[in-house]
Amino acid sequence: MSAIPTATDVLDPDVAVLSLPDVAENLGLPITRVHQMLRDKTLLAFRRGGVVVVPADFLIDGEVVKHLSGTLTLLDDGGYAPEDILRWMFTVDDSLAGTPIAALRSERSREIKRRAQAMAF
């Protein structure tokens, strides 16, 4: 079994995070399934204080935010490093009136996917 991929922590310390056991509990999945999601790059994790964590905003109502995994795949396929993806997802964009992850959480996914696709190519 391969190691769990983690990025460098590039986010503001105020960004709320969940440990992997908390992610598994929130999603109602075994921890091994969360590990596989990280290996499949449908979620991104990083180490904070020695603990592997996932941004809390990647989950909503007991599920992974709709269209998050597709957006992550677009950016990964476009050559973006996990740190760059995390930075982009949590950087305020005035034209979005917030961050890309906030837009995904509020059903403005079409614009985020369009931007991710444009950035990737």
PDB file of N, CA and C in Angstrom:
ATOM      1  N   MET A   1       0.846  -1.176   0.000  1.00  0.00           N
ATOM      2  CA  MET A   1       0.000   0.000   0.000  1.00  0.00           C
ATOM      3  C   MET A   1       0.890   1.238   0.000  1.00  0.00           C
ATOM      4  N   SER A   2       0.519   2.217  -0.792  1.00  0.00           N
ATOM      5  CA  SER A   2       1.338   3.420  -0.898  1.00  0.00           C
ATOM      6  C   SER A   2       1.055   4.386   0.249  1.00  0.00           C
ATOM      7  N   ALA A   3       1.999   5.265   0.472  1.00  0.00           N
ATOM      8  CA  ALA A   3       1.875   6.263   1.536  1.00  0.00           C
ATOM      9  C   ALA A   3       0.772   7.263   1.210  1.00  0.00           C
ATOM     10  N   ILE A   4       0.283   7.885   2.239  1.00  0.00           N
ATOM     11  CA  ILE A   4      -0.745   8.913   2.063  1.00  0.00           C
ATOM     12  C   ILE A   4      -0.060  10.181   1.576  1.00  0.00           C
ATOM     13  N   PRO A   5      -0.471  10.698   0.411  1.00  0.00           N
ATOM     14  CA  PRO A   5       0.174  11.910  -0.088  1.00  0.00           C
ATOM     15  C   PRO A   5      -0.265  13.136   0.710  1.00  0.00           C
ATOM     16  N   THR A   6       0.705  13.972   1.039  1.00  0.00           N
ATOM     17  CA  THR A   6       0.398  15.217   1.739  1.00  0.00           C
ATOM     18  C   THR A   6       1.158  16.360   1.086  1.00  0.00           C
ATOM     19  N   ALA A   7       0.538  17.514   1.126  1.00  0.00           N
ATOM     20  CA  ALA A   7       1.149  18.741   0.624  1.00  0.00           C
ATOM     21  C   ALA A   7       1.804  19.471   1.790  1.00  0.00           C
ATOM     22  N   THR A   8       2.545  20.492   1.458  1.00  0.00           N
ATOM     23  CA  THR A   8       3.085  21.404   2.463  1.00  0.00           C
ATOM     24  C   THR A   8       1.951  22.327   2.905  1.00  0.00           C
ATOM     25  N   ASP A   9       1.918  22.679   4.159  1.00  0.00           N
ATOM     26  CA  ASP A   9       0.882  23.582   4.665  1.00  0.00           C
ATOM     27  C   ASP A   9       1.160  25.000   4.168  1.00  0.00           C
ATOM     28  N   VAL A  10       0.368  25.448   3.209  1.00  0.00           N
ATOM     29  CA  VAL A  10       0.523  26.786   2.642  1.00  0.00           C
ATOM     30  C   VAL A  10      -0.661  27.687   3.007  1.00  0.00           C
ATOM     31  N   LEU A  11      -1.573  27.165   3.809  1.00  0.00           N
ATOM     32  CA  LEU A  11      -2.781  27.915   4.133  1.00  0.00           C
ATOM     33  C   LEU A  11      -2.613  28.724   5.410  1.00  0.00           C
ATOM     34  N   ASP A  12      -3.435  29.743   5.516  1.00  0.00           N
ATOM     35  CA  ASP A  12      -3.474  30.576   6.707  1.00  0.00           C
ATOM     36  C   ASP A  12      -3.776  29.680   7.913  1.00  0.00           C
ATOM     37  N   PRO A  13      -3.125  29.921   9.035  1.00  0.00           N
ATOM     38  CA  PRO A  13      -3.383  29.101  10.224  1.00  0.00           C
ATOM     39  C   PRO A  13      -4.837  29.137  10.688  1.00  0.00           C
ATOM     40  N   ASP A  14      -5.590  30.158  10.261  1.00  0.00           N
ATOM     41  CA  ASP A  14      -6.995  30.268  10.644  1.00  0.00           C
ATOM     42  C   ASP A  14      -7.915  29.348   9.850  1.00  0.00           C
ATOM     43  N   VAL A  15      -7.415  28.753   8.752  1.00  0.00           N
ATOM     44  CA  VAL A  15      -8.235  27.834   7.963  1.00  0.00           C
ATOM     45  C   VAL A  15      -8.512  26.598   8.820  1.00  0.00           C
ATOM     46  N   ALA A  16      -9.801  26.322   9.022  1.00  0.00           N
ATOM     47  CA  ALA A  16     -10.199  25.167   9.836  1.00  0.00           C
ATOM     48  C   ALA A  16      -9.849  23.870   9.118  1.00  0.00           C
ATOM     49  N   VAL A  17      -9.374  22.908   9.883  1.00  0.00           N
ATOM     50  CA  VAL A  17      -8.974  21.623   9.327  1.00  0.00           C
ATOM     51  C   VAL A  17      -9.591  20.481  10.132  1.00  0.00           C
ATOM     52  N   LEU A  18      -9.624  19.307   9.502  1.00  0.00           N
ATOM     53  CA  LEU A  18     -10.103  18.097  10.154  1.00  0.00           C
ATOM     54  C   LEU A  18      -9.035  17.022  10.040  1.00  0.00           C
ATOM     55  N   SER A  19      -8.827  16.280  11.105  1.00  0.00           N
ATOM     56  CA  SER A  19      -7.920  15.138  11.039  1.00  0.00           C
ATOM     57  C   SER A  19      -8.571  14.064  10.160  1.00  0.00           C
ATOM     58  N   LEU A  20      -7.778  13.126   9.697  1.00  0.00           N
ATOM     59  CA  LEU A  20      -8.325  12.076   8.839  1.00  0.00           C
ATOM     60  C   LEU A  20      -9.396  11.239   9.545  1.00  0.00           C
ATOM     61  N   PRO A  21      -9.223  10.886  10.823  1.00  0.00           N
ATOM     62  CA  PRO A  21     -10.321  10.181  11.493  1.00  0.00           C
ATOM     63  C   PRO A  21     -11.608  11.014  11.546  1.00  0.00           C
ATOM     64  N   ASP A  22     -11.478  12.334  11.706  1.00  0.00           N
ATOM     65  CA  ASP A  22     -12.659  13.200  11.701  1.00  0.00           C
ATOM     66  C   ASP A  22     -13.300  13.256  10.319  1.00  0.00           C
ATOM     67  N   VAL A  23     -12.472  13.280   9.271  1.00  0.00           N
ATOM     68  CA  VAL A  23     -13.002  13.253   7.901  1.00  0.00           C
ATOM     69  C   VAL A  23     -13.782  11.961   7.696  1.00  0.00           C
ATOM     70  N   ALA A  24     -13.196  10.840   8.093  1.00  0.00           N
ATOM     71  CA  ALA A  24     -13.860   9.539   7.941  1.00  0.00           C
ATOM     72  C   ALA A  24     -15.194   9.527   8.683  1.00  0.00           C
ATOM     73  N   GLU A  25     -15.198  10.040   9.906  1.00  0.00           N
ATOM     74  CA  GLU A  25     -16.440  10.077  10.690  1.00  0.00           C
ATOM     75  C   GLU A  25     -17.483  10.966  10.022  1.00  0.00           C
ATOM     76  N   ASN A  26     -17.069  12.147   9.550  1.00  0.00           N
ATOM     77  CA  ASN A  26     -17.999  13.066   8.885  1.00  0.00           C
ATOM     78  C   ASN A  26     -18.613  12.447   7.628  1.00  0.00           C
ATOM     79  N   LEU A  27     -17.802  11.695   6.894  1.00  0.00           N
ATOM     80  CA  LEU A  27     -18.274  11.093   5.654  1.00  0.00           C
ATOM     81  C   LEU A  27     -18.940   9.740   5.876  1.00  0.00           C
ATOM     82  N   GLY A  28     -18.827   9.196   7.081  1.00  0.00           N
ATOM     83  CA  GLY A  28     -19.393   7.888   7.358  1.00  0.00           C
ATOM     84  C   GLY A  28     -18.663   6.780   6.613  1.00  0.00           C
ATOM     85  N   LEU A  29     -17.347   6.946   6.479  1.00  0.00           N
ATOM     86  CA  LEU A  29     -16.524   5.994   5.742  1.00  0.00           C
ATOM     87  C   LEU A  29     -15.423   5.448   6.635  1.00  0.00           C
ATOM     88  N   PRO A  30     -14.898   4.277   6.285  1.00  0.00           N
ATOM     89  CA  PRO A  30     -13.719   3.802   7.015  1.00  0.00           C
ATOM     90  C   PRO A  30     -12.517   4.677   6.672  1.00  0.00           C
ATOM     91  N   ILE A  31     -11.595   4.771   7.596  1.00  0.00           N
ATOM     92  CA  ILE A  31     -10.407   5.599   7.391  1.00  0.00           C
ATOM     93  C   ILE A  31      -9.635   5.155   6.158  1.00  0.00           C
ATOM     94  N   THR A  32      -9.654   3.868   5.860  1.00  0.00           N
ATOM     95  CA  THR A  32      -8.936   3.365   4.681  1.00  0.00           C
ATOM     96  C   THR A  32      -9.520   3.943   3.397  1.00  0.00           C
ATOM     97  N   ARG A  33     -10.792   4.207   3.375  1.00  0.00           N
ATOM     98  CA  ARG A  33     -11.426   4.813   2.183  1.00  0.00           C
ATOM     99  C   ARG A  33     -10.969   6.267   2.045  1.00  0.00           C
ATOM    100  N   VAL A  34     -10.815   6.971   3.155  1.00  0.00           N
ATOM    101  CA  VAL A  34     -10.308   8.348   3.110  1.00  0.00           C
ATOM    102  C   VAL A  34      -8.867   8.335   2.598  1.00  0.00           C
ATOM    103  N   HIS A  35      -8.073   7.391   3.055  1.00  0.00           N
ATOM    104  CA  HIS A  35      -6.696   7.261   2.554  1.00  0.00           C
ATOM    105  C   HIS A  35      -6.707   7.059   1.037  1.00  0.00           C
ATOM    106  N   GLN A  36      -7.618   6.223   0.542  1.00  0.00           N
ATOM    107  CA  GLN A  36      -7.703   5.979  -0.898  1.00  0.00           C
ATOM    108  C   GLN A  36      -8.133   7.248  -1.642  1.00  0.00           C
ATOM    109  N   MET A  37      -9.035   8.015  -1.074  1.00  0.00           N
ATOM    110  CA  MET A  37      -9.457   9.273  -1.698  1.00  0.00           C
ATOM    111  C   MET A  37      -8.266  10.217  -1.844  1.00  0.00           C
ATOM    112  N   LEU A  38      -7.398  10.217  -0.858  1.00  0.00           N
ATOM    113  CA  LEU A  38      -6.194  11.060  -0.928  1.00  0.00           C
ATOM    114  C   LEU A  38      -5.231  10.544  -1.991  1.00  0.00           C
ATOM    115  N   ARG A  39      -5.061   9.230  -2.060  1.00  0.00           N
ATOM    116  CA  ARG A  39      -4.192   8.662  -3.097  1.00  0.00           C
ATOM    117  C   ARG A  39      -4.771   8.895  -4.489  1.00  0.00           C
ATOM    118  N   ASP A  40      -6.108   8.872  -4.608  1.00  0.00           N
ATOM    119  CA  ASP A  40      -6.782   9.112  -5.893  1.00  0.00           C
ATOM    120  C   ASP A  40      -6.870  10.598  -6.239  1.00  0.00           C
ATOM    121  N   LYS A  41      -6.460  11.443  -5.306  1.00  0.00           N
ATOM    122  CA  LYS A  41      -6.467  12.902  -5.476  1.00  0.00           C
ATOM    123  C   LYS A  41      -7.876  13.478  -5.600  1.00  0.00           C
ATOM    124  N   THR A  42      -8.847  12.816  -4.968  1.00  0.00           N
ATOM    125  CA  THR A  42     -10.188  13.388  -4.911  1.00  0.00           C
ATOM    126  C   THR A  42     -10.346  14.266  -3.669  1.00  0.00           C
ATOM    127  N   LEU A  43      -9.336  14.209  -2.792  1.00  0.00           N
ATOM    128  CA  LEU A  43      -9.192  15.111  -1.651  1.00  0.00           C
ATOM    129  C   LEU A  43      -7.714  15.453  -1.547  1.00  0.00           C
ATOM    130  N   LEU A  44      -7.416  16.585  -0.924  1.00  0.00           N
ATOM    131  CA  LEU A  44      -6.035  16.981  -0.660  1.00  0.00           C
ATOM    132  C   LEU A  44      -5.835  17.102   0.839  1.00  0.00           C
ATOM    133  N   ALA A  45      -4.669  16.667   1.279  1.00  0.00           N
ATOM    134  CA  ALA A  45      -4.323  16.759   2.699  1.00  0.00           C
ATOM    135  C   ALA A  45      -2.946  17.395   2.835  1.00  0.00           C
ATOM    136  N   PHE A  46      -2.688  17.884   4.027  1.00  0.00           N
ATOM    137  CA  PHE A  46      -1.367  18.417   4.353  1.00  0.00           C
ATOM    138  C   PHE A  46      -1.114  18.162   5.828  1.00  0.00           C
ATOM    139  N   ARG A  47       0.119  18.368   6.237  1.00  0.00           N
ATOM    140  CA  ARG A  47       0.477  18.183   7.644  1.00  0.00           C
ATOM    141  C   ARG A  47       0.478  19.532   8.347  1.00  0.00           C
ATOM    142  N   ARG A  48      -0.204  19.545   9.471  1.00  0.00           N
ATOM    143  CA  ARG A  48      -0.215  20.743  10.320  1.00  0.00           C
ATOM    144  C   ARG A  48       0.074  20.269  11.742  1.00  0.00           C
ATOM    145  N   GLY A  49       1.169  20.747  12.280  1.00  0.00           N
ATOM    146  CA  GLY A  49       1.555  20.320  13.618  1.00  0.00           C
ATOM    147  C   GLY A  49       1.817  18.819  13.691  1.00  0.00           C
ATOM    148  N   GLY A  50       2.300  18.242  12.593  1.00  0.00           N
ATOM    149  CA  GLY A  50       2.613  16.819  12.568  1.00  0.00           C
ATOM    150  C   GLY A  50       1.424  15.907  12.305  1.00  0.00           C
ATOM    151  N   VAL A  51       0.234  16.482  12.169  1.00  0.00           N
ATOM    152  CA  VAL A  51      -0.986  15.702  11.943  1.00  0.00           C
ATOM    153  C   VAL A  51      -1.439  15.899  10.500  1.00  0.00           C
ATOM    154  N   VAL A  52      -1.831  14.814   9.840  1.00  0.00           N
ATOM    155  CA  VAL A  52      -2.362  14.912   8.480  1.00  0.00           C
ATOM    156  C   VAL A  52      -3.801  15.404   8.583  1.00  0.00           C
ATOM    157  N   VAL A  53      -4.083  16.510   7.872  1.00  0.00           N
ATOM    158  CA  VAL A  53      -5.395  17.154   7.952  1.00  0.00           C
ATOM    159  C   VAL A  53      -5.914  17.494   6.558  1.00  0.00           C
ATOM    160  N   VAL A  54      -7.209  17.714   6.511  1.00  0.00           N
ATOM    161  CA  VAL A  54      -7.914  18.137   5.304  1.00  0.00           C
ATOM    162  C   VAL A  54      -8.658  19.422   5.659  1.00  0.00           C
ATOM    163  N   PRO A  55      -8.685  20.408   4.762  1.00  0.00           N
ATOM    164  CA  PRO A  55      -9.464  21.610   5.063  1.00  0.00           C
ATOM    165  C   PRO A  55     -10.935  21.263   5.319  1.00  0.00           C
ATOM    166  N   ALA A  56     -11.477  21.781   6.399  1.00  0.00           N
ATOM    167  CA  ALA A  56     -12.867  21.501   6.759  1.00  0.00           C
ATOM    168  C   ALA A  56     -13.830  21.949   5.662  1.00  0.00           C
ATOM    169  N   ASP A  57     -13.474  22.996   4.929  1.00  0.00           N
ATOM    170  CA  ASP A  57     -14.353  23.499   3.866  1.00  0.00           C
ATOM    171  C   ASP A  57     -14.489  22.530   2.687  1.00  0.00           C
ATOM    172  N   PHE A  58     -13.675  21.476   2.655  1.00  0.00           N
ATOM    173  CA  PHE A  58     -13.803  20.473   1.592  1.00  0.00           C
ATOM    174  C   PHE A  58     -14.989  19.548   1.830  1.00  0.00           C
ATOM    175  N   LEU A  59     -15.600  19.626   3.028  1.00  0.00           N
ATOM    176  CA  LEU A  59     -16.757  18.802   3.356  1.00  0.00           C
ATOM    177  C   LEU A  59     -17.943  19.686   3.659  1.00  0.00           C
ATOM    178  N   ILE A  60     -19.124  19.178   3.310  1.00  0.00           N
ATOM    179  CA  ILE A  60     -20.362  19.886   3.635  1.00  0.00           C
ATOM    180  C   ILE A  60     -21.483  18.862   3.794  1.00  0.00           C
ATOM    181  N   ASP A  61     -22.197  18.975   4.889  1.00  0.00           N
ATOM    182  CA  ASP A  61     -23.338  18.094   5.159  1.00  0.00           C
ATOM    183  C   ASP A  61     -23.004  16.615   5.004  1.00  0.00           C
ATOM    184  N   GLY A  62     -21.868  16.194   5.530  1.00  0.00           N
ATOM    185  CA  GLY A  62     -21.492  14.794   5.509  1.00  0.00           C
ATOM    186  C   GLY A  62     -21.037  14.262   4.167  1.00  0.00           C
ATOM    187  N   GLU A  63     -20.679  15.157   3.263  1.00  0.00           N
ATOM    188  CA  GLU A  63     -20.199  14.761   1.941  1.00  0.00           C
ATOM    189  C   GLU A  63     -19.036  15.654   1.529  1.00  0.00           C
ATOM    190  N   VAL A  64     -18.264  15.170   0.550  1.00  0.00           N
ATOM    191  CA  VAL A  64     -17.253  16.021  -0.071  1.00  0.00           C
ATOM    192  C   VAL A  64     -18.012  17.051  -0.902  1.00  0.00           C
ATOM    193  N   VAL A  65     -17.556  18.291  -0.881  1.00  0.00           N
ATOM    194  CA  VAL A  65     -18.210  19.361  -1.645  1.00  0.00           C
ATOM    195  C   VAL A  65     -18.363  18.918  -3.098  1.00  0.00           C
ATOM    196  N   LYS A  66     -19.568  19.078  -3.598  1.00  0.00           N
ATOM    197  CA  LYS A  66     -19.868  18.696  -4.974  1.00  0.00           C
ATOM    198  C   LYS A  66     -18.913  19.415  -5.933  1.00  0.00           C
ATOM    199  N   HIS A  67     -18.398  18.702  -6.881  1.00  0.00           N
ATOM    200  CA  HIS A  67     -17.487  19.192  -7.921  1.00  0.00           C
ATOM    201  C   HIS A  67     -16.069  19.478  -7.432  1.00  0.00           C
ATOM    202  N   LEU A  68     -15.787  19.258  -6.136  1.00  0.00           N
ATOM    203  CA  LEU A  68     -14.421  19.469  -5.658  1.00  0.00           C
ATOM    204  C   LEU A  68     -13.459  18.501  -6.327  1.00  0.00           C
ATOM    205  N   SER A  69     -13.803  17.229  -6.356  1.00  0.00           N
ATOM    206  CA  SER A  69     -12.863  16.250  -6.910  1.00  0.00           C
ATOM    207  C   SER A  69     -12.603  16.514  -8.386  1.00  0.00           C
ATOM    208  N   GLY A  70     -13.619  16.922  -9.141  1.00  0.00           N
ATOM    209  CA  GLY A  70     -13.416  17.255 -10.553  1.00  0.00           C
ATOM    210  C   GLY A  70     -12.515  18.461 -10.732  1.00  0.00           C
ATOM    211  N   THR A  71     -12.675  19.440  -9.872  1.00  0.00           N
ATOM    212  CA  THR A  71     -11.834  20.632  -9.928  1.00  0.00           C
ATOM    213  C   THR A  71     -10.391  20.272  -9.577  1.00  0.00           C
ATOM    214  N   LEU A  72     -10.207  19.449  -8.548  1.00  0.00           N
ATOM    215  CA  LEU A  72      -8.865  19.016  -8.178  1.00  0.00           C
ATOM    216  C   LEU A  72      -8.212  18.241  -9.317  1.00  0.00           C
ATOM    217  N   THR A  73      -8.979  17.392  -9.972  1.00  0.00           N
ATOM    218  CA  THR A  73      -8.456  16.608 -11.095  1.00  0.00           C
ATOM    219  C   THR A  73      -8.048  17.510 -12.251  1.00  0.00           C
ATOM    220  N   LEU A  74      -8.877  18.489 -12.588  1.00  0.00           N
ATOM    221  CA  LEU A  74      -8.538  19.429 -13.662  1.00  0.00           C
ATOM    222  C   LEU A  74      -7.204  20.118 -13.387  1.00  0.00           C
ATOM    223  N   LEU A  75      -7.046  20.606 -12.179  1.00  0.00           N
ATOM    224  CA  LEU A  75      -5.820  21.336 -11.839  1.00  0.00           C
ATOM    225  C   LEU A  75      -4.614  20.401 -11.765  1.00  0.00           C
ATOM    226  N   ASP A  76      -4.802  19.217 -11.196  1.00  0.00           N
ATOM    227  CA  ASP A  76      -3.705  18.244 -11.128  1.00  0.00           C
ATOM    228  C   ASP A  76      -3.279  17.823 -12.536  1.00  0.00           C
ATOM    229  N   ASP A  77      -4.237  17.528 -13.391  1.00  0.00           N
ATOM    230  CA  ASP A  77      -3.929  17.151 -14.774  1.00  0.00           C
ATOM    231  C   ASP A  77      -3.246  18.289 -15.525  1.00  0.00           C
ATOM    232  N   GLY A  78      -3.535  19.522 -15.122  1.00  0.00           N
ATOM    233  CA  GLY A  78      -2.920  20.685 -15.749  1.00  0.00           C
ATOM    234  C   GLY A  78      -1.526  20.982 -15.226  1.00  0.00           C
ATOM    235  N   GLY A  79      -1.022  20.156 -14.314  1.00  0.00           N
ATOM    236  CA  GLY A  79       0.341  20.318 -13.840  1.00  0.00           C
ATOM    237  C   GLY A  79       0.502  21.125 -12.571  1.00  0.00           C
ATOM    238  N   TYR A  80      -0.584  21.456 -11.916  1.00  0.00           N
ATOM    239  CA  TYR A  80      -0.474  22.236 -10.685  1.00  0.00           C
ATOM    240  C   TYR A  80      -0.093  21.346  -9.517  1.00  0.00           C
ATOM    241  N   ALA A  81       0.829  21.801  -8.705  1.00  0.00           N
ATOM    242  CA  ALA A  81       1.242  21.091  -7.500  1.00  0.00           C
ATOM    243  C   ALA A  81       0.135  21.203  -6.455  1.00  0.00           C
ATOM    244  N   PRO A  82       0.046  20.224  -5.548  1.00  0.00           N
ATOM    245  CA  PRO A  82      -0.986  20.296  -4.503  1.00  0.00           C
ATOM    246  C   PRO A  82      -0.962  21.606  -3.713  1.00  0.00           C
ATOM    247  N   GLU A  83       0.238  22.127  -3.445  1.00  0.00           N
ATOM    248  CA  GLU A  83       0.337  23.397  -2.710  1.00  0.00           C
ATOM    249  C   GLU A  83      -0.289  24.547  -3.503  1.00  0.00           C
ATOM    250  N   ASP A  84      -0.067  24.551  -4.819  1.00  0.00           N
ATOM    251  CA  ASP A  84      -0.651  25.595  -5.665  1.00  0.00           C
ATOM    252  C   ASP A  84      -2.169  25.478  -5.705  1.00  0.00           C
ATOM    253  N   ILE A  85      -2.652  24.258  -5.746  1.00  0.00           N
ATOM    254  CA  ILE A  85      -4.102  24.032  -5.761  1.00  0.00           C
ATOM    255  C   ILE A  85      -4.715  24.528  -4.450  1.00  0.00           C
ATOM    256  N   LEU A  86      -4.112  24.150  -3.334  1.00  0.00           N
ATOM    257  CA  LEU A  86      -4.630  24.607  -2.044  1.00  0.00           C
ATOM    258  C   LEU A  86      -4.616  26.125  -1.951  1.00  0.00           C
ATOM    259  N   ARG A  87      -3.503  26.723  -2.352  1.00  0.00           N
ATOM    260  CA  ARG A  87      -3.378  28.184  -2.312  1.00  0.00           C
ATOM    261  C   ARG A  87      -4.493  28.825  -3.142  1.00  0.00           C
ATOM    262  N   TRP A  88      -4.717  28.320  -4.368  1.00  0.00           N
ATOM    263  CA  TRP A  88      -5.740  28.891  -5.250  1.00  0.00           C
ATOM    264  C   TRP A  88      -7.137  28.722  -4.655  1.00  0.00           C
ATOM    265  N   MET A  89      -7.408  27.551  -4.098  1.00  0.00           N
ATOM    266  CA  MET A  89      -8.748  27.280  -3.559  1.00  0.00           C
ATOM    267  C   MET A  89      -9.113  28.216  -2.409  1.00  0.00           C
ATOM    268  N   PHE A  90      -8.099  28.696  -1.674  1.00  0.00           N
ATOM    269  CA  PHE A  90      -8.363  29.504  -0.484  1.00  0.00           C
ATOM    270  C   PHE A  90      -7.924  30.961  -0.626  1.00  0.00           C
ATOM    271  N   THR A  91      -7.617  31.403  -1.841  1.00  0.00           N
ATOM    272  CA  THR A  91      -7.244  32.803  -2.058  1.00  0.00           C
ATOM    273  C   THR A  91      -8.472  33.581  -2.516  1.00  0.00           C
ATOM    274  N   VAL A  92      -8.726  34.687  -1.842  1.00  0.00           N
ATOM    275  CA  VAL A  92      -9.876  35.529  -2.193  1.00  0.00           C
ATOM    276  C   VAL A  92      -9.690  36.085  -3.592  1.00  0.00           C
ATOM    277  N   ASP A  93     -10.736  35.975  -4.378  1.00  0.00           N
ATOM    278  CA  ASP A  93     -10.779  36.510  -5.736  1.00  0.00           C
ATOM    279  C   ASP A  93     -11.949  37.483  -5.793  1.00  0.00           C
ATOM    280  N   ASP A  94     -11.652  38.761  -5.968  1.00  0.00           N
ATOM    281  CA  ASP A  94     -12.706  39.777  -5.962  1.00  0.00           C
ATOM    282  C   ASP A  94     -13.770  39.526  -7.016  1.00  0.00           C
ATOM    283  N   SER A  95     -13.405  38.939  -8.160  1.00  0.00           N
ATOM    284  CA  SER A  95     -14.388  38.678  -9.200  1.00  0.00           C
ATOM    285  C   SER A  95     -15.345  37.545  -8.812  1.00  0.00           C
ATOM    286  N   LEU A  96     -14.989  36.778  -7.794  1.00  0.00           N
ATOM    287  CA  LEU A  96     -15.875  35.727  -7.281  1.00  0.00           C
ATOM    288  C   LEU A  96     -16.591  36.167  -6.011  1.00  0.00           C
ATOM    289  N   ALA A  97     -16.189  37.289  -5.469  1.00  0.00           N
ATOM    290  CA  ALA A  97     -16.695  37.750  -4.176  1.00  0.00           C
ATOM    291  C   ALA A  97     -16.397  36.715  -3.096  1.00  0.00           C
ATOM    292  N   GLY A  98     -15.187  36.169  -3.152  1.00  0.00           N
ATOM    293  CA  GLY A  98     -14.772  35.185  -2.157  1.00  0.00           C
ATOM    294  C   GLY A  98     -13.705  34.278  -2.726  1.00  0.00           C
ATOM    295  N   THR A  99     -13.599  33.106  -2.153  1.00  0.00           N
ATOM    296  CA  THR A  99     -12.604  32.132  -2.587  1.00  0.00           C
ATOM    297  C   THR A  99     -13.234  31.096  -3.510  1.00  0.00           C
ATOM    298  N   PRO A 100     -12.431  30.412  -4.315  1.00  0.00           N
ATOM    299  CA  PRO A 100     -12.980  29.339  -5.142  1.00  0.00           C
ATOM    300  C   PRO A 100     -13.687  28.242  -4.327  1.00  0.00           C
ATOM    301  N   ILE A 101     -13.139  27.877  -3.167  1.00  0.00           N
ATOM    302  CA  ILE A 101     -13.813  26.838  -2.378  1.00  0.00           C
ATOM    303  C   ILE A 101     -15.161  27.342  -1.862  1.00  0.00           C
ATOM    304  N   ALA A 102     -15.253  28.609  -1.514  1.00  0.00           N
ATOM    305  CA  ALA A 102     -16.543  29.165  -1.082  1.00  0.00           C
ATOM    306  C   ALA A 102     -17.538  29.150  -2.240  1.00  0.00           C
ATOM    307  N   ALA A 103     -17.058  29.426  -3.446  1.00  0.00           N
ATOM    308  CA  ALA A 103     -17.935  29.386  -4.614  1.00  0.00           C
ATOM    309  C   ALA A 103     -18.431  27.960  -4.867  1.00  0.00           C
ATOM    310  N   LEU A 104     -17.555  26.972  -4.737  1.00  0.00           N
ATOM    311  CA  LEU A 104     -17.986  25.585  -4.902  1.00  0.00           C
ATOM    312  C   LEU A 104     -19.021  25.203  -3.849  1.00  0.00           C
ATOM    313  N   ARG A 105     -18.838  25.673  -2.651  1.00  0.00           N
ATOM    314  CA  ARG A 105     -19.771  25.352  -1.559  1.00  0.00           C
ATOM    315  C   ARG A 105     -21.123  26.025  -1.749  1.00  0.00           C
ATOM    316  N   SER A 106     -21.168  27.086  -2.559  1.00  0.00           N
ATOM    317  CA  SER A 106     -22.424  27.818  -2.737  1.00  0.00           C
ATOM    318  C   SER A 106     -23.046  27.595  -4.114  1.00  0.00           C
ATOM    319  N   GLU A 107     -22.718  26.471  -4.721  1.00  0.00           N
ATOM    320  CA  GLU A 107     -23.317  26.092  -6.008  1.00  0.00           C
ATOM    321  C   GLU A 107     -22.911  26.987  -7.184  1.00  0.00           C
ATOM    322  N   ARG A 108     -21.747  27.607  -7.107  1.00  0.00           N
ATOM    323  CA  ARG A 108     -21.228  28.358  -8.249  1.00  0.00           C
ATOM    324  C   ARG A 108     -20.098  27.568  -8.904  1.00  0.00           C
ATOM    325  N   SER A 109     -20.302  26.272  -8.980  1.00  0.00           N
ATOM    326  CA  SER A 109     -19.252  25.373  -9.452  1.00  0.00           C
ATOM    327  C   SER A 109     -18.926  25.545 -10.928  1.00  0.00           C
ATOM    328  N   ARG A 110     -19.888  25.899 -11.740  1.00  0.00           N
ATOM    329  CA  ARG A 110     -19.633  26.035 -13.175  1.00  0.00           C
ATOM    330  C   ARG A 110     -18.512  27.043 -13.447  1.00  0.00           C
ATOM    331  N   GLU A 111     -18.545  28.172 -12.762  1.00  0.00           N
ATOM    332  CA  GLU A 111     -17.512  29.196 -12.952  1.00  0.00           C
ATOM    333  C   GLU A 111     -16.149  28.705 -12.450  1.00  0.00           C
ATOM    334  N   ILE A 112     -16.144  27.997 -11.336  1.00  0.00           N
ATOM    335  CA  ILE A 112     -14.885  27.489 -10.787  1.00  0.00           C
ATOM    336  C   ILE A 112     -14.288  26.452 -11.712  1.00  0.00           C
ATOM    337  N   LYS A 113     -15.093  25.551 -12.212  1.00  0.00           N
ATOM    338  CA  LYS A 113     -14.584  24.530 -13.138  1.00  0.00           C
ATOM    339  C   LYS A 113     -14.089  25.177 -14.430  1.00  0.00           C
ATOM    340  N   ARG A 114     -14.785  26.215 -14.898  1.00  0.00           N
ATOM    341  CA  ARG A 114     -14.336  26.916 -16.103  1.00  0.00           C
ATOM    342  C   ARG A 114     -12.975  27.556 -15.866  1.00  0.00           C
ATOM    343  N   ARG A 115     -12.809  28.200 -14.719  1.00  0.00           N
ATOM    344  CA  ARG A 115     -11.525  28.842 -14.404  1.00  0.00           C
ATOM    345  C   ARG A 115     -10.414  27.801 -14.229  1.00  0.00           C
ATOM    346  N   ALA A 116     -10.719  26.711 -13.565  1.00  0.00           N
ATOM    347  CA  ALA A 116      -9.722  25.658 -13.367  1.00  0.00           C
ATOM    348  C   ALA A 116      -9.295  25.081 -14.715  1.00  0.00           C
ATOM    349  N   GLN A 117     -10.234  24.883 -15.595  1.00  0.00           N
ATOM    350  CA  GLN A 117      -9.919  24.351 -16.916  1.00  0.00           C
ATOM    351  C   GLN A 117      -9.060  25.336 -17.698  1.00  0.00           C
ATOM    352  N   ALA A 118      -9.396  26.619 -17.628  1.00  0.00           N
ATOM    353  CA  ALA A 118      -8.608  27.634 -18.328  1.00  0.00           C
ATOM    354  C   ALA A 118      -7.187  27.729 -17.767  1.00  0.00           C
ATOM    355  N   MET A 119      -7.060  27.609 -16.454  1.00  0.00           N
ATOM    356  CA  MET A 119      -5.745  27.679 -15.821  1.00  0.00           C
ATOM    357  C   MET A 119      -4.883  26.476 -16.211  1.00  0.00           C
ATOM    358  N   ALA A 120      -5.527  25.343 -16.389  1.00  0.00           N
ATOM    359  CA  ALA A 120      -4.795  24.094 -16.633  1.00  0.00           C
ATOM    360  C   ALA A 120      -4.256  23.986 -18.046  1.00  0.00           C
ATOM    361  N   PHE A 121      -4.782  24.783 -18.954  1.00  0.00           N
ATOM    362  CA  PHE A 121      -4.343  24.623 -20.342  1.00  0.00           C
ATOM    363  C   PHE A 121      -3.964  25.907 -21.018  1.00  0.00           C
TER     364      PHE A 121
END
